[in-house]
Amino acid sequence: MTSPDRQIIKSHFQGLRVAAFESRMATEMARLIERYGGQPHVAPALREIPLSDNTAVLEFGKRLLAGHFEMVVLLTGVGTKTMIEILQTSYPLDFVKTALARTTVLARGPKPVAALKELGLTPSITVPEPNTWRDILQVLDERGSLIEVRIAVQEYGVSNPDLLAALQQRGAEVTQVPIYKWALPENIAPLREVLGAIIAGHIDVLLVTNAAQIDHVMQLLQQEGTTAQFKEACKKMVVASIGPTASERLRHYDLPIDFEPSHSKMGVLVKETSEQAHSILISKRG
């Protein structure tokens, strides 16, 4: 007898060809697509590069321990953990924890909150869902003026110039702290193959789980001169975004967003997209 978590739920994708650019959880994504009756075409669009010898983080640590910053903004869980690991190469962990504890720490969503909890720390400010940079600003605006407030912003993968500019416009002194950056996978053949299938009209659904994925896809398409063909193909398929941050990036490139799930989780994205995909395709393809 097949266990419930392995059953194919035939009433959902019903054999639709589903592409995704997931990296860290590529295997899980393919299994989810299959579980909901789809044919998975999963190719990673990025890889994380920890900056283990990152002088920017160590300089941040030096200034943090000296009491320079009044606020630290933590944007991701992975970034927060990596930042602490890098700081520990030069400073005792207790010193880092004490310095953070006496600073106003803003955590964007549950993952940086969990990373802080592992250290026995609780953030001063948490940002509610959907955890976009605009939500960060709204929370800070409600707290009062940022004029001359010294803020360190932990950057994740790619910088967020909109957030940085908005903080500076409010009078804050902003220091960027890049924790890791994204790069294209070393082997881009699988990604090229999936993009080729999309352009050829052989994909029905595209699942986007990370804003940086879109940057890399558009970078590769631009290099190969196929941006227009990709955009045209997206008009005839379902483009589903995991949440507001990814959707914002899709809009930046004038790409459609046909569906967002009720919660920004991969499993919810696949399940709810599978339930809506056929009706969306009918409306887009006529």
C-alpha atoms as a PDB file:
ATOM      1  CA  MET A   1       0.000   0.000   0.000  1.00  0.00           C
ATOM      2  CA  THR A   2       1.327   3.461  -0.926  1.00  0.00           C
ATOM      3  CA  SER A   3       1.809   5.804   2.011  1.00  0.00           C
ATOM      4  CA  PRO A   4      -0.297   9.004   1.867  1.00  0.00           C
ATOM      5  CA  ASP A   5       2.733  11.263   1.361  1.00  0.00           C
ATOM      6  CA  ARG A   6       3.754   9.277  -1.726  1.00  0.00           C
ATOM      7  CA  GLN A   7       0.349   9.054  -3.363  1.00  0.00           C
ATOM      8  CA  ILE A   8      -0.048  10.913  -6.634  1.00  0.00           C
ATOM      9  CA  ILE A   9      -2.971  13.278  -6.340  1.00  0.00           C
ATOM     10  CA  LYS A  10      -4.270  12.829  -9.860  1.00  0.00           C
ATOM     11  CA  SER A  11      -6.949  15.520  -9.725  1.00  0.00           C
ATOM     12  CA  HIS A  12      -4.406  18.328  -9.699  1.00  0.00           C
ATOM     13  CA  PHE A  13      -1.681  18.888 -12.357  1.00  0.00           C
ATOM     14  CA  GLN A  14      -2.957  15.888 -14.376  1.00  0.00           C
ATOM     15  CA  GLY A  15       0.268  15.446 -16.317  1.00  0.00           C
ATOM     16  CA  LEU A  16       1.099  19.117 -16.882  1.00  0.00           C
ATOM     17  CA  ARG A  17       4.784  19.861 -17.462  1.00  0.00           C
ATOM     18  CA  VAL A  18       6.028  21.878 -14.493  1.00  0.00           C
ATOM     19  CA  ALA A  19       9.342  23.759 -14.402  1.00  0.00           C
ATOM     20  CA  ALA A  20      11.135  25.154 -11.344  1.00  0.00           C
ATOM     21  CA  PHE A  21      14.510  26.790 -10.696  1.00  0.00           C
ATOM     22  CA  GLU A  22      14.872  25.532  -7.110  1.00  0.00           C
ATOM     23  CA  SER A  23      18.431  24.776  -5.949  1.00  0.00           C
ATOM     24  CA  ARG A  24      18.800  23.719  -2.316  1.00  0.00           C
ATOM     25  CA  MET A  25      15.528  21.771  -2.298  1.00  0.00           C
ATOM     26  CA  ALA A  26      15.495  20.631  -5.934  1.00  0.00           C
ATOM     27  CA  THR A  27      14.836  16.969  -5.090  1.00  0.00           C
ATOM     28  CA  GLU A  28      11.982  17.864  -2.742  1.00  0.00           C
ATOM     29  CA  MET A  29      10.496  20.162  -5.372  1.00  0.00           C
ATOM     30  CA  ALA A  30      10.554  17.417  -8.029  1.00  0.00           C
ATOM     31  CA  ARG A  31       8.858  15.000  -5.605  1.00  0.00           C
ATOM     32  CA  LEU A  32       6.151  17.529  -4.765  1.00  0.00           C
ATOM     33  CA  ILE A  33       5.429  18.175  -8.443  1.00  0.00           C
ATOM     34  CA  GLU A  34       5.155  14.418  -9.048  1.00  0.00           C
ATOM     35  CA  ARG A  35       2.951  13.979  -5.981  1.00  0.00           C
ATOM     36  CA  TYR A  36       0.460  16.457  -7.392  1.00  0.00           C
ATOM     37  CA  GLY A  37       0.447  14.757 -10.781  1.00  0.00           C
ATOM     38  CA  GLY A  38       2.906  16.925 -12.697  1.00  0.00           C
ATOM     39  CA  GLN A  39       5.942  16.144 -14.837  1.00  0.00           C
ATOM     40  CA  PRO A  40       8.880  17.880 -13.090  1.00  0.00           C
ATOM     41  CA  HIS A  41      11.521  19.853 -14.985  1.00  0.00           C
ATOM     42  CA  VAL A  42      13.718  21.188 -12.172  1.00  0.00           C
ATOM     43  CA  ALA A  43      17.031  22.950 -12.828  1.00  0.00           C
ATOM     44  CA  PRO A  44      18.903  25.111 -10.291  1.00  0.00           C
ATOM     45  CA  ALA A  45      19.366  28.759 -11.238  1.00  0.00           C
ATOM     46  CA  LEU A  46      21.740  29.694  -8.445  1.00  0.00           C
ATOM     47  CA  ARG A  47      24.233  28.535  -5.873  1.00  0.00           C
ATOM     48  CA  GLU A  48      25.190  30.167  -2.607  1.00  0.00           C
ATOM     49  CA  ILE A  49      28.752  31.346  -2.098  1.00  0.00           C
ATOM     50  CA  PRO A  50      29.591  32.011   1.584  1.00  0.00           C
ATOM     51  CA  LEU A  51      32.117  34.810   1.910  1.00  0.00           C
ATOM     52  CA  SER A  52      34.213  33.005   4.505  1.00  0.00           C
ATOM     53  CA  ASP A  53      36.990  35.572   4.360  1.00  0.00           C
ATOM     54  CA  ASN A  54      34.566  38.477   4.145  1.00  0.00           C
ATOM     55  CA  THR A  55      36.327  41.562   5.437  1.00  0.00           C
ATOM     56  CA  ALA A  56      33.027  43.483   5.383  1.00  0.00           C
ATOM     57  CA  VAL A  57      31.548  41.145   8.016  1.00  0.00           C
ATOM     58  CA  LEU A  58      34.659  41.320  10.198  1.00  0.00           C
ATOM     59  CA  GLU A  59      34.688  45.121   9.988  1.00  0.00           C
ATOM     60  CA  PHE A  60      30.998  45.089  10.915  1.00  0.00           C
ATOM     61  CA  GLY A  61      31.870  42.886  13.916  1.00  0.00           C
ATOM     62  CA  LYS A  62      34.567  45.293  15.053  1.00  0.00           C
ATOM     63  CA  ARG A  63      32.151  48.230  14.924  1.00  0.00           C
ATOM     64  CA  LEU A  64      29.308  46.204  16.479  1.00  0.00           C
ATOM     65  CA  LEU A  65      31.448  45.250  19.473  1.00  0.00           C
ATOM     66  CA  ALA A  66      32.513  48.887  19.831  1.00  0.00           C
ATOM     67  CA  GLY A  67      28.857  49.916  20.129  1.00  0.00           C
ATOM     68  CA  HIS A  68      28.804  51.824  16.832  1.00  0.00           C
ATOM     69  CA  PHE A  69      25.451  50.523  15.552  1.00  0.00           C
ATOM     70  CA  GLU A  70      22.091  51.385  17.051  1.00  0.00           C
ATOM     71  CA  MET A  71      20.202  48.918  14.849  1.00  0.00           C
ATOM     72  CA  VAL A  72      20.987  45.709  12.963  1.00  0.00           C
ATOM     73  CA  VAL A  73      18.587  44.485  10.265  1.00  0.00           C
ATOM     74  CA  LEU A  74      18.691  40.717   9.659  1.00  0.00           C
ATOM     75  CA  LEU A  75      17.078  39.691   6.378  1.00  0.00           C
ATOM     76  CA  THR A  76      17.543  35.899   6.225  1.00  0.00           C
ATOM     77  CA  GLY A  77      18.122  32.936   8.497  1.00  0.00           C
ATOM     78  CA  VAL A  78      20.974  31.488   6.434  1.00  0.00           C
ATOM     79  CA  GLY A  79      22.608  34.908   6.264  1.00  0.00           C
ATOM     80  CA  THR A  80      22.306  35.391  10.022  1.00  0.00           C
ATOM     81  CA  LYS A  81      23.854  31.995  10.792  1.00  0.00           C
ATOM     82  CA  THR A  82      26.676  32.548   8.297  1.00  0.00           C
ATOM     83  CA  MET A  83      27.340  36.015   9.713  1.00  0.00           C
ATOM     84  CA  ILE A  84      27.716  34.593  13.226  1.00  0.00           C
ATOM     85  CA  GLU A  85      30.035  31.832  11.949  1.00  0.00           C
ATOM     86  CA  ILE A  86      32.258  34.406  10.228  1.00  0.00           C
ATOM     87  CA  LEU A  87      32.324  36.673  13.289  1.00  0.00           C
ATOM     88  CA  GLN A  88      33.355  33.712  15.468  1.00  0.00           C
ATOM     89  CA  THR A  89      36.564  33.373  13.432  1.00  0.00           C
ATOM     90  CA  SER A  90      37.751  36.655  15.010  1.00  0.00           C
ATOM     91  CA  TYR A  91      35.609  37.334  18.075  1.00  0.00           C
ATOM     92  CA  PRO A  92      34.387  35.208  21.016  1.00  0.00           C
ATOM     93  CA  LEU A  93      30.737  34.220  20.566  1.00  0.00           C
ATOM     94  CA  ASP A  94      29.778  35.652  23.972  1.00  0.00           C
ATOM     95  CA  PHE A  95      31.114  39.064  22.909  1.00  0.00           C
ATOM     96  CA  VAL A  96      29.041  38.945  19.710  1.00  0.00           C
ATOM     97  CA  LYS A  97      25.892  37.895  21.590  1.00  0.00           C
ATOM     98  CA  THR A  98      26.351  40.649  24.174  1.00  0.00           C
ATOM     99  CA  ALA A  99      26.840  43.256  21.443  1.00  0.00           C
ATOM    100  CA  LEU A 100      23.702  42.128  19.597  1.00  0.00           C
ATOM    101  CA  ALA A 101      21.701  42.039  22.838  1.00  0.00           C
ATOM    102  CA  ARG A 102      22.433  45.711  23.510  1.00  0.00           C
ATOM    103  CA  THR A 103      21.525  46.690  19.929  1.00  0.00           C
ATOM    104  CA  THR A 104      18.041  47.051  18.415  1.00  0.00           C
ATOM    105  CA  VAL A 105      17.818  43.946  16.205  1.00  0.00           C
ATOM    106  CA  LEU A 106      15.153  43.749  13.489  1.00  0.00           C
ATOM    107  CA  ALA A 107      14.382  40.284  12.090  1.00  0.00           C
ATOM    108  CA  ARG A 108      12.587  39.982   8.748  1.00  0.00           C
ATOM    109  CA  GLY A 109      10.358  36.958   9.271  1.00  0.00           C
ATOM    110  CA  PRO A 110      10.627  33.645  11.141  1.00  0.00           C
ATOM    111  CA  LYS A 111      13.956  32.351   9.785  1.00  0.00           C
ATOM    112  CA  PRO A 112      16.243  35.044  11.238  1.00  0.00           C
ATOM    113  CA  VAL A 113      14.146  34.867  14.428  1.00  0.00           C
ATOM    114  CA  ALA A 114      14.923  31.125  14.630  1.00  0.00           C
ATOM    115  CA  ALA A 115      18.630  31.768  13.963  1.00  0.00           C
ATOM    116  CA  LEU A 116      18.726  34.267  16.832  1.00  0.00           C
ATOM    117  CA  LYS A 117      16.836  31.881  19.110  1.00  0.00           C
ATOM    118  CA  GLU A 118      19.613  29.310  18.616  1.00  0.00           C
ATOM    119  CA  LEU A 119      21.941  31.895  20.190  1.00  0.00           C
ATOM    120  CA  GLY A 120      19.521  32.543  23.033  1.00  0.00           C
ATOM    121  CA  LEU A 121      18.610  35.951  21.606  1.00  0.00           C
ATOM    122  CA  THR A 122      15.241  37.528  20.834  1.00  0.00           C
ATOM    123  CA  PRO A 123      14.904  40.295  18.228  1.00  0.00           C
ATOM    124  CA  SER A 124      13.734  43.725  19.340  1.00  0.00           C
ATOM    125  CA  ILE A 125      11.538  44.026  16.235  1.00  0.00           C
ATOM    126  CA  THR A 126       9.951  41.350  14.054  1.00  0.00           C
ATOM    127  CA  VAL A 127       8.455  42.060  10.642  1.00  0.00           C
ATOM    128  CA  PRO A 128       5.126  40.349   9.885  1.00  0.00           C
ATOM    129  CA  GLU A 129       4.255  38.511   6.682  1.00  0.00           C
ATOM    130  CA  PRO A 130       4.754  38.915   3.813  1.00  0.00           C
ATOM    131  CA  ASN A 131       8.140  40.219   5.077  1.00  0.00           C
ATOM    132  CA  THR A 132       8.944  42.510   2.129  1.00  0.00           C
ATOM    133  CA  TRP A 133      11.252  45.531   2.356  1.00  0.00           C
ATOM    134  CA  ARG A 134       8.147  47.728   2.405  1.00  0.00           C
ATOM    135  CA  ASP A 135       6.928  45.869   5.504  1.00  0.00           C
ATOM    136  CA  ILE A 136      10.295  46.601   7.146  1.00  0.00           C
ATOM    137  CA  LEU A 137       9.855  50.311   6.424  1.00  0.00           C
ATOM    138  CA  GLN A 138       6.284  50.329   7.702  1.00  0.00           C
ATOM    139  CA  VAL A 139       7.348  48.798  11.019  1.00  0.00           C
ATOM    140  CA  LEU A 140      10.243  51.247  11.373  1.00  0.00           C
ATOM    141  CA  ASP A 141       8.102  54.249  10.422  1.00  0.00           C
ATOM    142  CA  GLU A 142       5.637  53.310  13.152  1.00  0.00           C
ATOM    143  CA  ARG A 143       8.480  53.388  15.700  1.00  0.00           C
ATOM    144  CA  GLY A 144       9.590  56.941  14.942  1.00  0.00           C
ATOM    145  CA  SER A 145      12.377  58.903  13.289  1.00  0.00           C
ATOM    146  CA  LEU A 146      15.469  57.269  11.767  1.00  0.00           C
ATOM    147  CA  ILE A 147      17.438  60.514  11.434  1.00  0.00           C
ATOM    148  CA  GLU A 148      21.131  59.833  12.210  1.00  0.00           C
ATOM    149  CA  VAL A 149      20.329  56.293  13.375  1.00  0.00           C
ATOM    150  CA  ARG A 150      23.287  54.032  12.518  1.00  0.00           C
ATOM    151  CA  ILE A 151      21.862  50.901  10.874  1.00  0.00           C
ATOM    152  CA  ALA A 152      23.702  47.798   9.639  1.00  0.00           C
ATOM    153  CA  VAL A 153      21.775  45.828   6.999  1.00  0.00           C
ATOM    154  CA  GLN A 154      22.670  42.153   6.544  1.00  0.00           C
ATOM    155  CA  GLU A 155      22.379  41.582   2.801  1.00  0.00           C
ATOM    156  CA  TYR A 156      21.270  38.270   1.382  1.00  0.00           C
ATOM    157  CA  GLY A 157      22.407  37.056  -2.009  1.00  0.00           C
ATOM    158  CA  VAL A 158      21.769  40.293  -3.861  1.00  0.00           C
ATOM    159  CA  SER A 159      21.572  43.780  -2.414  1.00  0.00           C
ATOM    160  CA  ASN A 160      18.201  45.499  -1.989  1.00  0.00           C
ATOM    161  CA  PRO A 161      18.838  49.031  -3.278  1.00  0.00           C
ATOM    162  CA  ASP A 162      15.214  50.065  -2.667  1.00  0.00           C
ATOM    163  CA  LEU A 163      15.457  49.284   1.052  1.00  0.00           C
ATOM    164  CA  LEU A 164      18.866  50.955   1.398  1.00  0.00           C
ATOM    165  CA  ALA A 165      17.714  54.089  -0.445  1.00  0.00           C
ATOM    166  CA  ALA A 166      14.511  54.317   1.611  1.00  0.00           C
ATOM    167  CA  LEU A 167      16.457  54.081   4.889  1.00  0.00           C
ATOM    168  CA  GLN A 168      18.901  56.746   3.705  1.00  0.00           C
ATOM    169  CA  GLN A 169      16.019  58.996   2.621  1.00  0.00           C
ATOM    170  CA  ARG A 170      14.732  58.780   6.189  1.00  0.00           C
ATOM    171  CA  GLY A 171      18.067  60.118   7.440  1.00  0.00           C
ATOM    172  CA  ALA A 172      19.648  56.845   8.603  1.00  0.00           C
ATOM    173  CA  GLU A 173      23.375  56.135   8.303  1.00  0.00           C
ATOM    174  CA  VAL A 174      23.331  52.771   6.522  1.00  0.00           C
ATOM    175  CA  THR A 175      26.134  50.201   6.434  1.00  0.00           C
ATOM    176  CA  GLN A 176      25.772  47.231   4.079  1.00  0.00           C
ATOM    177  CA  VAL A 177      26.926  43.866   5.446  1.00  0.00           C
ATOM    178  CA  PRO A 178      27.020  41.314   2.581  1.00  0.00           C
ATOM    179  CA  ILE A 179      26.891  37.803   4.038  1.00  0.00           C
ATOM    180  CA  TYR A 180      26.742  35.619   0.954  1.00  0.00           C
ATOM    181  CA  LYS A 181      26.223  36.144  -2.717  1.00  0.00           C
ATOM    182  CA  TRP A 182      24.554  34.147  -5.421  1.00  0.00           C
ATOM    183  CA  ALA A 183      26.243  32.855  -8.534  1.00  0.00           C
ATOM    184  CA  LEU A 184      25.011  30.842 -11.476  1.00  0.00           C
ATOM    185  CA  PRO A 185      25.494  27.083 -11.019  1.00  0.00           C
ATOM    186  CA  GLU A 186      28.860  25.796 -12.177  1.00  0.00           C
ATOM    187  CA  ASN A 187      26.974  23.518 -14.570  1.00  0.00           C
ATOM    188  CA  ILE A 188      24.334  25.589 -16.356  1.00  0.00           C
ATOM    189  CA  ALA A 189      23.421  22.891 -18.908  1.00  0.00           C
ATOM    190  CA  PRO A 190      20.272  21.771 -16.985  1.00  0.00           C
ATOM    191  CA  LEU A 191      19.116  25.390 -16.681  1.00  0.00           C
ATOM    192  CA  ARG A 192      19.712  26.001 -20.396  1.00  0.00           C
ATOM    193  CA  GLU A 193      17.714  22.854 -21.167  1.00  0.00           C
ATOM    194  CA  VAL A 194      14.701  23.937 -19.091  1.00  0.00           C
ATOM    195  CA  LEU A 195      14.781  27.468 -20.518  1.00  0.00           C
ATOM    196  CA  GLY A 196      14.912  25.972 -24.007  1.00  0.00           C
ATOM    197  CA  ALA A 197      11.871  23.831 -23.205  1.00  0.00           C
ATOM    198  CA  ILE A 198       9.987  26.900 -21.953  1.00  0.00           C
ATOM    199  CA  ILE A 199      10.816  28.897 -25.103  1.00  0.00           C
ATOM    200  CA  ALA A 200       9.803  25.945 -27.294  1.00  0.00           C
ATOM    201  CA  GLY A 201       6.388  25.828 -25.604  1.00  0.00           C
ATOM    202  CA  HIS A 202       7.036  22.476 -23.934  1.00  0.00           C
ATOM    203  CA  ILE A 203       6.331  23.706 -20.372  1.00  0.00           C
ATOM    204  CA  ASP A 204       2.886  24.454 -18.929  1.00  0.00           C
ATOM    205  CA  VAL A 205       3.700  25.772 -15.450  1.00  0.00           C
ATOM    206  CA  LEU A 206       6.661  27.682 -13.970  1.00  0.00           C
ATOM    207  CA  LEU A 207       7.168  27.768 -10.188  1.00  0.00           C
ATOM    208  CA  VAL A 208       9.346  30.603  -8.848  1.00  0.00           C
ATOM    209  CA  THR A 209      10.606  30.145  -5.285  1.00  0.00           C
ATOM    210  CA  ASN A 210      13.285  32.841  -4.973  1.00  0.00           C
ATOM    211  CA  ALA A 211      13.744  36.360  -6.346  1.00  0.00           C
ATOM    212  CA  ALA A 212      17.422  35.766  -7.158  1.00  0.00           C
ATOM    213  CA  GLN A 213      16.406  32.898  -9.464  1.00  0.00           C
ATOM    214  CA  ILE A 214      14.756  35.449 -11.750  1.00  0.00           C
ATOM    215  CA  ASP A 215      17.869  37.644 -11.828  1.00  0.00           C
ATOM    216  CA  HIS A 216      19.955  34.689 -12.958  1.00  0.00           C
ATOM    217  CA  VAL A 217      17.444  33.427 -15.490  1.00  0.00           C
ATOM    218  CA  MET A 218      17.194  36.885 -17.055  1.00  0.00           C
ATOM    219  CA  GLN A 219      20.988  37.211 -17.002  1.00  0.00           C
ATOM    220  CA  LEU A 220      21.381  33.950 -18.915  1.00  0.00           C
ATOM    221  CA  LEU A 221      18.579  34.788 -21.355  1.00  0.00           C
ATOM    222  CA  GLN A 222      20.166  38.171 -22.047  1.00  0.00           C
ATOM    223  CA  GLN A 223      23.543  36.549 -22.718  1.00  0.00           C
ATOM    224  CA  GLU A 224      21.930  34.187 -25.208  1.00  0.00           C
ATOM    225  CA  GLY A 225      19.639  36.769 -26.798  1.00  0.00           C
ATOM    226  CA  THR A 226      16.427  34.905 -25.972  1.00  0.00           C
ATOM    227  CA  THR A 227      14.756  37.280 -23.495  1.00  0.00           C
ATOM    228  CA  ALA A 228      11.903  38.226 -25.854  1.00  0.00           C
ATOM    229  CA  GLN A 229      11.140  34.581 -26.682  1.00  0.00           C
ATOM    230  CA  PHE A 230      11.042  33.697 -22.971  1.00  0.00           C
ATOM    231  CA  LYS A 231       8.662  36.561 -22.188  1.00  0.00           C
ATOM    232  CA  GLU A 232       6.425  35.507 -25.065  1.00  0.00           C
ATOM    233  CA  ALA A 233       6.372  31.895 -23.816  1.00  0.00           C
ATOM    234  CA  CYS A 234       5.351  33.062 -20.322  1.00  0.00           C
ATOM    235  CA  LYS A 235       2.163  34.537 -21.809  1.00  0.00           C
ATOM    236  CA  LYS A 236       0.967  30.999 -22.594  1.00  0.00           C
ATOM    237  CA  MET A 237       1.913  29.240 -19.361  1.00  0.00           C
ATOM    238  CA  VAL A 238       1.148  29.544 -15.664  1.00  0.00           C
ATOM    239  CA  VAL A 239       3.753  31.581 -13.775  1.00  0.00           C
ATOM    240  CA  ALA A 240       3.352  30.979 -10.036  1.00  0.00           C
ATOM    241  CA  SER A 241       5.346  32.966  -7.474  1.00  0.00           C
ATOM    242  CA  ILE A 242       5.997  31.827  -3.915  1.00  0.00           C
ATOM    243  CA  GLY A 243       5.321  35.284  -2.501  1.00  0.00           C
ATOM    244  CA  PRO A 244       5.585  39.080  -2.689  1.00  0.00           C
ATOM    245  CA  THR A 245       9.392  39.341  -2.823  1.00  0.00           C
ATOM    246  CA  ALA A 246       9.648  36.979  -5.795  1.00  0.00           C
ATOM    247  CA  SER A 247       6.616  38.629  -7.408  1.00  0.00           C
ATOM    248  CA  GLU A 248       8.253  42.029  -7.095  1.00  0.00           C
ATOM    249  CA  ARG A 249      11.252  40.750  -9.040  1.00  0.00           C
ATOM    250  CA  LEU A 250       9.021  39.230 -11.725  1.00  0.00           C
ATOM    251  CA  ARG A 251       7.276  42.587 -12.165  1.00  0.00           C
ATOM    252  CA  HIS A 252      10.666  44.297 -12.411  1.00  0.00           C
ATOM    253  CA  TYR A 253      11.317  42.267 -15.571  1.00  0.00           C
ATOM    254  CA  ASP A 254       7.741  42.690 -16.880  1.00  0.00           C
ATOM    255  CA  LEU A 255       6.991  39.003 -16.379  1.00  0.00           C
ATOM    256  CA  PRO A 256       3.474  37.817 -15.494  1.00  0.00           C
ATOM    257  CA  ILE A 257       2.385  36.579 -12.080  1.00  0.00           C
ATOM    258  CA  ASP A 258      -0.625  34.322 -12.466  1.00  0.00           C
ATOM    259  CA  PHE A 259      -0.759  32.897  -8.967  1.00  0.00           C
ATOM    260  CA  GLU A 260       0.556  33.380  -5.424  1.00  0.00           C
ATOM    261  CA  PRO A 261      -0.211  30.796  -2.700  1.00  0.00           C
ATOM    262  CA  SER A 262      -1.976  31.569   0.571  1.00  0.00           C
ATOM    263  CA  HIS A 263       1.343  31.071   2.430  1.00  0.00           C
ATOM    264  CA  SER A 264       4.896  31.570   1.145  1.00  0.00           C
ATOM    265  CA  LYS A 265       5.923  27.922   1.525  1.00  0.00           C
ATOM    266  CA  MET A 266       7.121  25.560  -1.198  1.00  0.00           C
ATOM    267  CA  GLY A 267       4.631  22.798  -0.402  1.00  0.00           C
ATOM    268  CA  VAL A 268       1.711  25.233  -0.371  1.00  0.00           C
ATOM    269  CA  LEU A 269       2.912  26.770  -3.653  1.00  0.00           C
ATOM    270  CA  VAL A 270       2.949  23.400  -5.440  1.00  0.00           C
ATOM    271  CA  LYS A 271      -0.357  22.184  -3.964  1.00  0.00           C
ATOM    272  CA  GLU A 272      -2.356  25.344  -4.611  1.00  0.00           C
ATOM    273  CA  THR A 273      -0.849  25.931  -8.067  1.00  0.00           C
ATOM    274  CA  SER A 274      -1.793  22.368  -9.015  1.00  0.00           C
ATOM    275  CA  GLU A 275      -5.390  23.143  -8.037  1.00  0.00           C
ATOM    276  CA  GLN A 276      -5.552  26.314 -10.148  1.00  0.00           C
ATOM    277  CA  ALA A 277      -3.253  25.530 -13.096  1.00  0.00           C
ATOM    278  CA  HIS A 278      -5.818  24.133 -15.535  1.00  0.00           C
ATOM    279  CA  SER A 279      -8.279  27.011 -15.167  1.00  0.00           C
ATOM    280  CA  ILE A 280      -5.462  29.572 -15.513  1.00  0.00           C
ATOM    281  CA  LEU A 281      -4.155  27.835 -18.649  1.00  0.00           C
ATOM    282  CA  ILE A 282      -7.617  27.870 -20.213  1.00  0.00           C
ATOM    283  CA  SER A 283      -7.913  31.619 -19.623  1.00  0.00           C
ATOM    284  CA  LYS A 284      -4.399  32.311 -20.978  1.00  0.00           C
ATOM    285  CA  ARG A 285      -4.471  29.994 -23.973  1.00  0.00           C
ATOM    286  CA  GLY A 286      -8.119  30.414 -24.879  1.00  0.00           C
END
